[in-house]
Amino acid sequence: MSLNCGLPLECTKALSPNVKKIFDALHQFVWVQGGPLPLIYDLDEPIYTQQGITRETLAKLASSGLIHFEAGGFVKKKLGKHTRLFYCGKPTKVGFPSDMNNQLDLGCVILTERGKASLSLDKISMNRTFYEYIIRRWYESNYIVTSIQVGQKAR
């Protein structure tokens, strides 16, 4: 299933094989909350670099019009006490300290409309180490995290 955001899916055909490979690698870092959110935080972390996600490869994706890459990062604002995000179709509930006006750090990448149209949810495969990395980051940010995946063994 591809996300259709009003752009023709043929836009992926114009991508070079190298850019397509990088974009495919980015898929494993995508969570969904209203729309797809690649959670890319510290680019020095092996969780990203071992999968080929670096400043240089993200710059290629940005120049191809698939992502916006901003070292200062992006946030999702005006969240209530709780929000629910999905990774590989499974929910994770995040609770914030305040009742209103909370924000969630999204990292340094967001998808463009072209990136959303080119993203295939079928290509998102579970990266257990990445999932645990995100949960740990949220715990360290004093969020209350509830998920059926926490504590499960990878199959």
N, C-alpha and C. Protein backbone atom coordinates (compact mmCIF):
# COMPACT_ATOMS: atom_id res chain seq x y z
N MET A 1 0.84 -1.17 0.00
CA MET A 1 0.00 0.00 0.00
C MET A 1 0.88 1.23 0.00
N SER A 2 0.67 2.14 -0.91
CA SER A 2 1.40 3.38 -0.95
C SER A 2 0.52 4.50 -0.45
N LEU A 3 1.13 5.48 0.18
CA LEU A 3 0.38 6.64 0.61
C LEU A 3 0.19 7.54 -0.59
N ASN A 4 -1.01 7.96 -0.86
CA ASN A 4 -1.28 8.84 -1.99
C ASN A 4 -1.60 10.22 -1.45
N CYS A 5 -0.73 11.15 -1.69
CA CYS A 5 -0.93 12.51 -1.20
C CYS A 5 -1.20 13.46 -2.34
N GLY A 6 -1.83 12.97 -3.39
CA GLY A 6 -2.19 13.84 -4.50
C GLY A 6 -1.14 13.91 -5.59
N LEU A 7 -0.02 13.27 -5.41
CA LEU A 7 1.01 13.28 -6.43
C LEU A 7 1.06 11.91 -7.09
N PRO A 8 1.41 11.86 -8.37
CA PRO A 8 1.48 10.55 -9.04
C PRO A 8 2.60 9.71 -8.45
N LEU A 9 2.32 8.42 -8.30
CA LEU A 9 3.33 7.52 -7.75
C LEU A 9 4.48 7.30 -8.73
N GLU A 10 4.33 7.76 -9.98
CA GLU A 10 5.41 7.66 -10.95
C GLU A 10 6.63 8.48 -10.53
N CYS A 11 6.47 9.37 -9.55
CA CYS A 11 7.60 10.22 -9.14
C CYS A 11 8.77 9.37 -8.64
N THR A 12 8.52 8.17 -8.15
CA THR A 12 9.63 7.33 -7.69
C THR A 12 10.44 6.79 -8.85
N LYS A 13 9.84 6.71 -10.04
CA LYS A 13 10.58 6.20 -11.19
C LYS A 13 11.73 7.13 -11.58
N ALA A 14 11.61 8.41 -11.27
CA ALA A 14 12.64 9.38 -11.62
C ALA A 14 13.83 9.34 -10.68
N LEU A 15 13.77 8.57 -9.63
CA LEU A 15 14.86 8.51 -8.65
C LEU A 15 15.99 7.64 -9.17
N SER A 16 17.21 8.07 -8.89
CA SER A 16 18.36 7.23 -9.23
C SER A 16 18.33 5.99 -8.35
N PRO A 17 18.94 4.90 -8.79
CA PRO A 17 18.97 3.69 -7.96
C PRO A 17 19.58 3.94 -6.58
N ASN A 18 20.61 4.79 -6.51
CA ASN A 18 21.26 5.08 -5.24
C ASN A 18 20.30 5.81 -4.29
N VAL A 19 19.58 6.82 -4.80
CA VAL A 19 18.63 7.56 -3.97
C VAL A 19 17.49 6.65 -3.55
N LYS A 20 17.01 5.81 -4.44
CA LYS A 20 15.93 4.88 -4.10
C LYS A 20 16.38 3.93 -2.99
N LYS A 21 17.63 3.46 -3.06
CA LYS A 21 18.15 2.56 -2.02
C LYS A 21 18.19 3.26 -0.66
N ILE A 22 18.63 4.51 -0.64
CA ILE A 22 18.67 5.28 0.62
C ILE A 22 17.25 5.49 1.14
N PHE A 23 16.34 5.86 0.24
CA PHE A 23 14.95 6.09 0.65
C PHE A 23 14.32 4.81 1.19
N ASP A 24 14.62 3.68 0.56
CA ASP A 24 14.12 2.40 1.06
C ASP A 24 14.67 2.11 2.46
N ALA A 25 15.94 2.44 2.71
CA ALA A 25 16.53 2.24 4.04
C ALA A 25 15.85 3.13 5.07
N LEU A 26 15.43 4.32 4.66
CA LEU A 26 14.75 5.24 5.57
C LEU A 26 13.41 4.68 6.06
N HIS A 27 12.78 3.83 5.26
CA HIS A 27 11.46 3.28 5.60
C HIS A 27 11.41 2.66 7.00
N GLN A 28 12.49 1.96 7.41
CA GLN A 28 12.46 1.26 8.70
C GLN A 28 12.40 2.20 9.90
N PHE A 29 12.61 3.50 9.66
CA PHE A 29 12.59 4.48 10.74
C PHE A 29 11.29 5.28 10.78
N VAL A 30 10.30 4.86 10.00
CA VAL A 30 9.04 5.60 9.89
C VAL A 30 8.01 5.10 10.89
N TRP A 31 7.50 6.02 11.67
CA TRP A 31 6.35 5.81 12.55
C TRP A 31 5.18 6.55 11.90
N VAL A 32 3.98 6.26 12.33
CA VAL A 32 2.81 6.93 11.79
C VAL A 32 2.00 7.53 12.93
N GLN A 33 1.67 8.80 12.77
CA GLN A 33 0.78 9.50 13.70
C GLN A 33 0.10 10.58 12.88
N GLY A 34 -1.04 10.24 12.30
CA GLY A 34 -1.71 11.15 11.40
C GLY A 34 -1.11 11.09 10.01
N GLY A 35 0.15 10.89 9.91
CA GLY A 35 0.90 10.75 8.67
C GLY A 35 2.23 10.10 8.99
N PRO A 36 3.01 9.78 7.99
CA PRO A 36 4.29 9.11 8.23
C PRO A 36 5.34 10.07 8.80
N LEU A 37 6.04 9.61 9.82
CA LEU A 37 7.06 10.41 10.50
C LEU A 37 8.36 9.62 10.63
N PRO A 38 9.36 9.91 9.81
CA PRO A 38 10.65 9.25 10.03
C PRO A 38 11.30 9.87 11.28
N LEU A 39 11.60 9.05 12.27
CA LEU A 39 12.19 9.55 13.50
C LEU A 39 13.71 9.39 13.43
N ILE A 40 14.36 10.44 12.97
CA ILE A 40 15.82 10.46 12.82
C ILE A 40 16.35 11.50 13.79
N TYR A 41 17.04 11.05 14.83
CA TYR A 41 17.53 11.95 15.86
C TYR A 41 19.03 12.21 15.72
N ASP A 42 19.84 11.47 16.41
CA ASP A 42 21.29 11.68 16.45
C ASP A 42 21.96 10.92 15.31
N LEU A 43 22.45 11.64 14.32
CA LEU A 43 23.04 10.99 13.14
C LEU A 43 24.39 10.34 13.41
N ASP A 44 24.91 10.50 14.61
CA ASP A 44 26.14 9.80 14.97
C ASP A 44 25.83 8.43 15.58
N GLU A 45 24.56 8.15 15.82
CA GLU A 45 24.16 6.88 16.41
C GLU A 45 24.30 5.75 15.39
N PRO A 46 24.91 4.65 15.78
CA PRO A 46 25.06 3.50 14.88
C PRO A 46 23.71 2.96 14.37
N ILE A 47 22.64 3.15 15.15
CA ILE A 47 21.31 2.68 14.72
C ILE A 47 20.97 3.22 13.34
N TYR A 48 21.43 4.42 13.03
CA TYR A 48 21.19 5.04 11.72
C TYR A 48 22.34 4.77 10.75
N THR A 49 23.57 5.02 11.19
CA THR A 49 24.72 4.92 10.28
C THR A 49 24.89 3.50 9.73
N GLN A 50 24.60 2.49 10.55
CA GLN A 50 24.74 1.11 10.08
C GLN A 50 23.74 0.78 8.97
N GLN A 51 22.69 1.58 8.87
CA GLN A 51 21.69 1.37 7.82
C GLN A 51 21.88 2.34 6.66
N GLY A 52 22.99 3.10 6.68
CA GLY A 52 23.30 4.01 5.59
C GLY A 52 22.64 5.38 5.70
N ILE A 53 22.10 5.70 6.85
CA ILE A 53 21.47 7.01 7.05
C ILE A 53 22.49 7.92 7.73
N THR A 54 23.01 8.87 6.95
CA THR A 54 24.02 9.82 7.41
C THR A 54 23.63 11.22 6.94
N ARG A 55 24.38 12.21 7.36
CA ARG A 55 24.14 13.57 6.87
C ARG A 55 24.19 13.62 5.34
N GLU A 56 25.17 12.94 4.79
CA GLU A 56 25.35 12.96 3.34
C GLU A 56 24.18 12.29 2.61
N THR A 57 23.74 11.13 3.09
CA THR A 57 22.64 10.46 2.40
C THR A 57 21.33 11.21 2.58
N LEU A 58 21.14 11.83 3.74
CA LEU A 58 19.93 12.63 3.94
C LEU A 58 19.94 13.87 3.05
N ALA A 59 21.13 14.44 2.83
CA ALA A 59 21.24 15.58 1.91
C ALA A 59 20.84 15.16 0.49
N LYS A 60 21.19 13.93 0.09
CA LYS A 60 20.78 13.43 -1.23
C LYS A 60 19.27 13.29 -1.32
N LEU A 61 18.66 12.77 -0.25
CA LEU A 61 17.20 12.65 -0.24
C LEU A 61 16.53 14.02 -0.29
N ALA A 62 17.13 14.98 0.41
CA ALA A 62 16.57 16.34 0.40
C ALA A 62 16.69 16.96 -0.98
N SER A 63 17.85 16.80 -1.62
CA SER A 63 18.02 17.39 -2.95
C SER A 63 17.15 16.70 -3.99
N SER A 64 16.71 15.48 -3.70
CA SER A 64 15.79 14.76 -4.60
C SER A 64 14.34 15.12 -4.33
N GLY A 65 14.11 15.97 -3.31
CA GLY A 65 12.75 16.42 -3.02
C GLY A 65 11.91 15.45 -2.22
N LEU A 66 12.54 14.46 -1.55
CA LEU A 66 11.80 13.47 -0.79
C LEU A 66 11.62 13.85 0.68
N ILE A 67 12.57 14.61 1.22
CA ILE A 67 12.53 14.98 2.63
C ILE A 67 12.93 16.44 2.80
N HIS A 68 12.60 16.96 3.96
CA HIS A 68 13.18 18.20 4.46
C HIS A 68 14.15 17.76 5.55
N PHE A 69 15.37 18.24 5.49
CA PHE A 69 16.41 17.87 6.44
C PHE A 69 16.88 19.14 7.12
N GLU A 70 16.69 19.21 8.42
CA GLU A 70 17.04 20.40 9.20
C GLU A 70 17.76 19.95 10.46
N ALA A 71 19.03 20.31 10.58
CA ALA A 71 19.83 19.89 11.74
C ALA A 71 19.19 20.31 13.07
N GLY A 72 18.51 21.46 13.08
CA GLY A 72 17.85 21.92 14.30
C GLY A 72 16.63 21.10 14.68
N GLY A 73 16.12 20.35 13.76
CA GLY A 73 15.02 19.44 14.04
C GLY A 73 13.64 20.03 13.87
N PHE A 74 12.65 19.16 14.01
CA PHE A 74 11.24 19.49 13.89
C PHE A 74 10.51 18.97 15.12
N VAL A 75 9.40 19.61 15.46
CA VAL A 75 8.57 19.15 16.57
C VAL A 75 7.11 19.16 16.15
N LYS A 76 6.36 18.27 16.74
CA LYS A 76 4.91 18.25 16.58
C LYS A 76 4.36 18.91 17.83
N LYS A 77 3.59 20.00 17.65
CA LYS A 77 3.14 20.82 18.78
C LYS A 77 1.67 20.63 19.09
N LYS A 78 1.29 21.20 20.22
CA LYS A 78 -0.11 21.27 20.67
C LYS A 78 -0.74 19.89 20.85
N LEU A 79 0.05 18.97 21.39
CA LEU A 79 -0.47 17.65 21.69
C LEU A 79 -1.12 17.66 23.07
N GLY A 80 -2.13 16.84 23.24
CA GLY A 80 -2.79 16.70 24.54
C GLY A 80 -1.97 15.85 25.49
N LYS A 81 -2.61 15.35 26.52
CA LYS A 81 -1.95 14.55 27.55
C LYS A 81 -1.36 13.25 26.97
N HIS A 82 -2.02 12.70 25.96
CA HIS A 82 -1.58 11.44 25.35
C HIS A 82 -1.65 11.54 23.84
N THR A 83 -0.81 10.78 23.18
CA THR A 83 -0.90 10.61 21.74
C THR A 83 -0.53 9.17 21.43
N ARG A 84 -0.96 8.70 20.30
CA ARG A 84 -0.70 7.32 19.90
C ARG A 84 0.05 7.35 18.57
N LEU A 85 1.16 6.64 18.53
CA LEU A 85 1.93 6.48 17.30
C LEU A 85 1.97 5.00 16.96
N PHE A 86 2.15 4.71 15.68
CA PHE A 86 2.18 3.34 15.23
C PHE A 86 3.52 3.05 14.55
N TYR A 87 4.07 1.90 14.91
CA TYR A 87 5.28 1.41 14.24
C TYR A 87 4.98 0.02 13.73
N CYS A 88 5.13 -0.16 12.44
CA CYS A 88 4.79 -1.43 11.78
C CYS A 88 3.35 -1.84 12.09
N GLY A 89 2.47 -0.86 12.16
CA GLY A 89 1.05 -1.12 12.36
C GLY A 89 0.63 -1.36 13.80
N LYS A 90 1.56 -1.33 14.73
CA LYS A 90 1.24 -1.60 16.14
C LYS A 90 1.34 -0.31 16.95
N PRO A 91 0.36 -0.09 17.83
CA PRO A 91 0.29 1.19 18.56
C PRO A 91 1.26 1.28 19.74
N THR A 92 1.71 2.50 19.96
CA THR A 92 2.47 2.86 21.16
C THR A 92 1.86 4.15 21.67
N LYS A 93 1.46 4.15 22.92
CA LYS A 93 0.84 5.33 23.53
C LYS A 93 1.91 6.10 24.28
N VAL A 94 1.96 7.40 24.03
CA VAL A 94 2.93 8.27 24.70
C VAL A 94 2.15 9.25 25.56
N GLY A 95 2.49 9.29 26.85
CA GLY A 95 1.89 10.23 27.79
C GLY A 95 2.88 11.32 28.13
N PHE A 96 2.37 12.55 28.19
CA PHE A 96 3.21 13.72 28.46
C PHE A 96 2.97 14.24 29.87
N PRO A 97 3.90 15.04 30.41
CA PRO A 97 3.77 15.55 31.77
C PRO A 97 2.61 16.54 31.94
N SER A 98 2.34 17.35 30.92
CA SER A 98 1.29 18.37 31.03
C SER A 98 -0.01 17.87 30.40
N ASP A 99 -1.11 18.50 30.80
CA ASP A 99 -2.40 18.12 30.25
C ASP A 99 -2.59 18.60 28.82
N MET A 100 -2.01 19.74 28.47
CA MET A 100 -2.18 20.32 27.13
C MET A 100 -0.87 20.94 26.64
N ASN A 101 -0.86 21.28 25.37
CA ASN A 101 0.25 22.00 24.73
C ASN A 101 1.60 21.29 24.87
N ASN A 102 1.60 19.99 24.71
CA ASN A 102 2.84 19.22 24.72
C ASN A 102 3.40 19.16 23.31
N GLN A 103 4.66 18.81 23.22
CA GLN A 103 5.27 18.65 21.91
C GLN A 103 6.14 17.40 21.89
N LEU A 104 6.23 16.84 20.70
CA LEU A 104 7.02 15.64 20.47
C LEU A 104 8.14 15.96 19.51
N ASP A 105 9.36 15.69 19.92
CA ASP A 105 10.53 15.88 19.06
C ASP A 105 10.46 14.87 17.92
N LEU A 106 10.51 15.36 16.69
CA LEU A 106 10.44 14.49 15.51
C LEU A 106 11.80 14.22 14.90
N GLY A 107 12.84 14.82 15.42
CA GLY A 107 14.16 14.63 14.84
C GLY A 107 14.41 15.61 13.70
N CYS A 108 15.35 15.28 12.85
CA CYS A 108 15.83 16.23 11.84
C CYS A 108 15.27 16.01 10.44
N VAL A 109 14.30 15.11 10.29
CA VAL A 109 13.76 14.79 8.97
C VAL A 109 12.23 14.77 9.01
N ILE A 110 11.62 15.40 8.02
CA ILE A 110 10.20 15.18 7.74
C ILE A 110 10.07 14.93 6.24
N LEU A 111 9.05 14.22 5.88
CA LEU A 111 8.83 13.91 4.47
C LEU A 111 8.17 15.08 3.76
N THR A 112 8.55 15.29 2.52
CA THR A 112 7.86 16.25 1.66
C THR A 112 6.61 15.56 1.13
N GLU A 113 5.79 16.30 0.41
CA GLU A 113 4.62 15.67 -0.21
C GLU A 113 5.07 14.58 -1.19
N ARG A 114 6.14 14.85 -1.92
CA ARG A 114 6.68 13.83 -2.84
C ARG A 114 7.15 12.61 -2.05
N GLY A 115 7.81 12.84 -0.92
CA GLY A 115 8.26 11.73 -0.09
C GLY A 115 7.10 10.91 0.44
N LYS A 116 6.04 11.58 0.88
CA LYS A 116 4.85 10.87 1.36
C LYS A 116 4.22 10.04 0.25
N ALA A 117 4.15 10.62 -0.95
CA ALA A 117 3.56 9.91 -2.08
C ALA A 117 4.42 8.72 -2.50
N SER A 118 5.71 8.80 -2.28
CA SER A 118 6.65 7.75 -2.69
C SER A 118 6.81 6.67 -1.64
N LEU A 119 6.38 6.94 -0.42
CA LEU A 119 6.56 6.00 0.69
C LEU A 119 5.61 4.82 0.54
N SER A 120 6.14 3.64 0.75
CA SER A 120 5.33 2.43 0.72
C SER A 120 5.32 1.82 2.12
N LEU A 121 4.15 1.81 2.75
CA LEU A 121 4.06 1.23 4.09
C LEU A 121 4.40 -0.25 4.08
N ASP A 122 4.24 -0.91 2.94
CA ASP A 122 4.58 -2.32 2.83
C ASP A 122 6.09 -2.56 2.96
N LYS A 123 6.88 -1.52 2.71
CA LYS A 123 8.34 -1.68 2.78
C LYS A 123 8.89 -1.41 4.18
N ILE A 124 8.03 -1.06 5.12
CA ILE A 124 8.50 -0.81 6.48
C ILE A 124 8.62 -2.15 7.19
N SER A 125 9.85 -2.51 7.50
CA SER A 125 10.06 -3.76 8.23
C SER A 125 10.55 -3.41 9.63
N MET A 126 10.13 -4.21 10.57
CA MET A 126 10.45 -3.98 11.98
C MET A 126 11.95 -4.03 12.22
N ASN A 127 12.47 -2.96 12.79
CA ASN A 127 13.86 -2.91 13.23
C ASN A 127 13.77 -2.84 14.75
N ARG A 128 13.89 -3.97 15.40
CA ARG A 128 13.69 -4.10 16.84
C ARG A 128 14.64 -3.18 17.63
N THR A 129 15.89 -3.11 17.20
CA THR A 129 16.87 -2.27 17.89
C THR A 129 16.45 -0.80 17.80
N PHE A 130 15.98 -0.38 16.64
CA PHE A 130 15.50 0.99 16.47
C PHE A 130 14.28 1.25 17.34
N TYR A 131 13.35 0.32 17.36
CA TYR A 131 12.14 0.47 18.18
C TYR A 131 12.54 0.69 19.65
N GLU A 132 13.43 -0.14 20.16
CA GLU A 132 13.87 -0.02 21.55
C GLU A 132 14.63 1.28 21.79
N TYR A 133 15.38 1.73 20.79
CA TYR A 133 16.09 3.01 20.87
C TYR A 133 15.08 4.16 21.05
N ILE A 134 14.02 4.16 20.27
CA ILE A 134 13.00 5.21 20.36
C ILE A 134 12.31 5.16 21.72
N ILE A 135 11.91 3.98 22.16
CA ILE A 135 11.25 3.85 23.47
C ILE A 135 12.16 4.37 24.57
N ARG A 136 13.44 4.03 24.52
CA ARG A 136 14.41 4.50 25.52
C ARG A 136 14.51 6.03 25.49
N ARG A 137 14.56 6.62 24.30
CA ARG A 137 14.61 8.09 24.18
C ARG A 137 13.38 8.73 24.82
N TRP A 138 12.22 8.14 24.56
CA TRP A 138 10.99 8.71 25.12
C TRP A 138 10.97 8.58 26.64
N TYR A 139 11.42 7.44 27.16
CA TYR A 139 11.52 7.29 28.62
C TYR A 139 12.47 8.34 29.20
N GLU A 140 13.60 8.55 28.54
CA GLU A 140 14.57 9.54 29.01
C GLU A 140 14.03 10.97 28.92
N SER A 141 13.03 11.18 28.07
CA SER A 141 12.38 12.49 27.97
C SER A 141 11.23 12.63 28.95
N ASN A 142 11.12 11.67 29.87
CA ASN A 142 10.08 11.64 30.90
C ASN A 142 8.67 11.46 30.36
N TYR A 143 8.57 10.79 29.21
CA TYR A 143 7.26 10.43 28.69
C TYR A 143 6.86 9.10 29.31
N ILE A 144 5.57 8.87 29.43
CA ILE A 144 5.06 7.59 29.87
C ILE A 144 4.70 6.81 28.61
N VAL A 145 5.37 5.68 28.41
CA VAL A 145 5.20 4.93 27.18
C VAL A 145 4.52 3.60 27.48
N THR A 146 3.46 3.33 26.73
CA THR A 146 2.73 2.08 26.87
C THR A 146 2.63 1.44 25.49
N SER A 147 3.04 0.17 25.41
CA SER A 147 2.99 -0.51 24.13
C SER A 147 2.90 -2.00 24.35
N ILE A 148 2.17 -2.66 23.45
CA ILE A 148 2.15 -4.13 23.51
C ILE A 148 3.48 -4.70 23.06
N GLN A 149 4.31 -3.87 22.41
CA GLN A 149 5.60 -4.35 21.91
C GLN A 149 6.72 -4.28 22.95
N VAL A 150 6.56 -3.45 23.96
CA VAL A 150 7.62 -3.31 24.97
C VAL A 150 7.78 -4.64 25.69
N GLY A 151 9.00 -5.11 25.72
CA GLY A 151 9.30 -6.35 26.42
C GLY A 151 9.08 -7.59 25.58
N GLN A 152 8.56 -7.47 24.36
CA GLN A 152 8.37 -8.65 23.51
C GLN A 152 9.69 -9.01 22.85
N LYS A 153 9.87 -10.26 22.59
CA LYS A 153 11.05 -10.74 21.87
C LYS A 153 10.78 -10.64 20.38
N ALA A 154 11.81 -10.32 19.62
CA ALA A 154 11.67 -10.28 18.16
C ALA A 154 11.43 -11.70 17.65
N ARG A 155 10.61 -11.81 16.63
CA ARG A 155 10.30 -13.13 16.08
C ARG A 155 10.97 -13.33 14.76
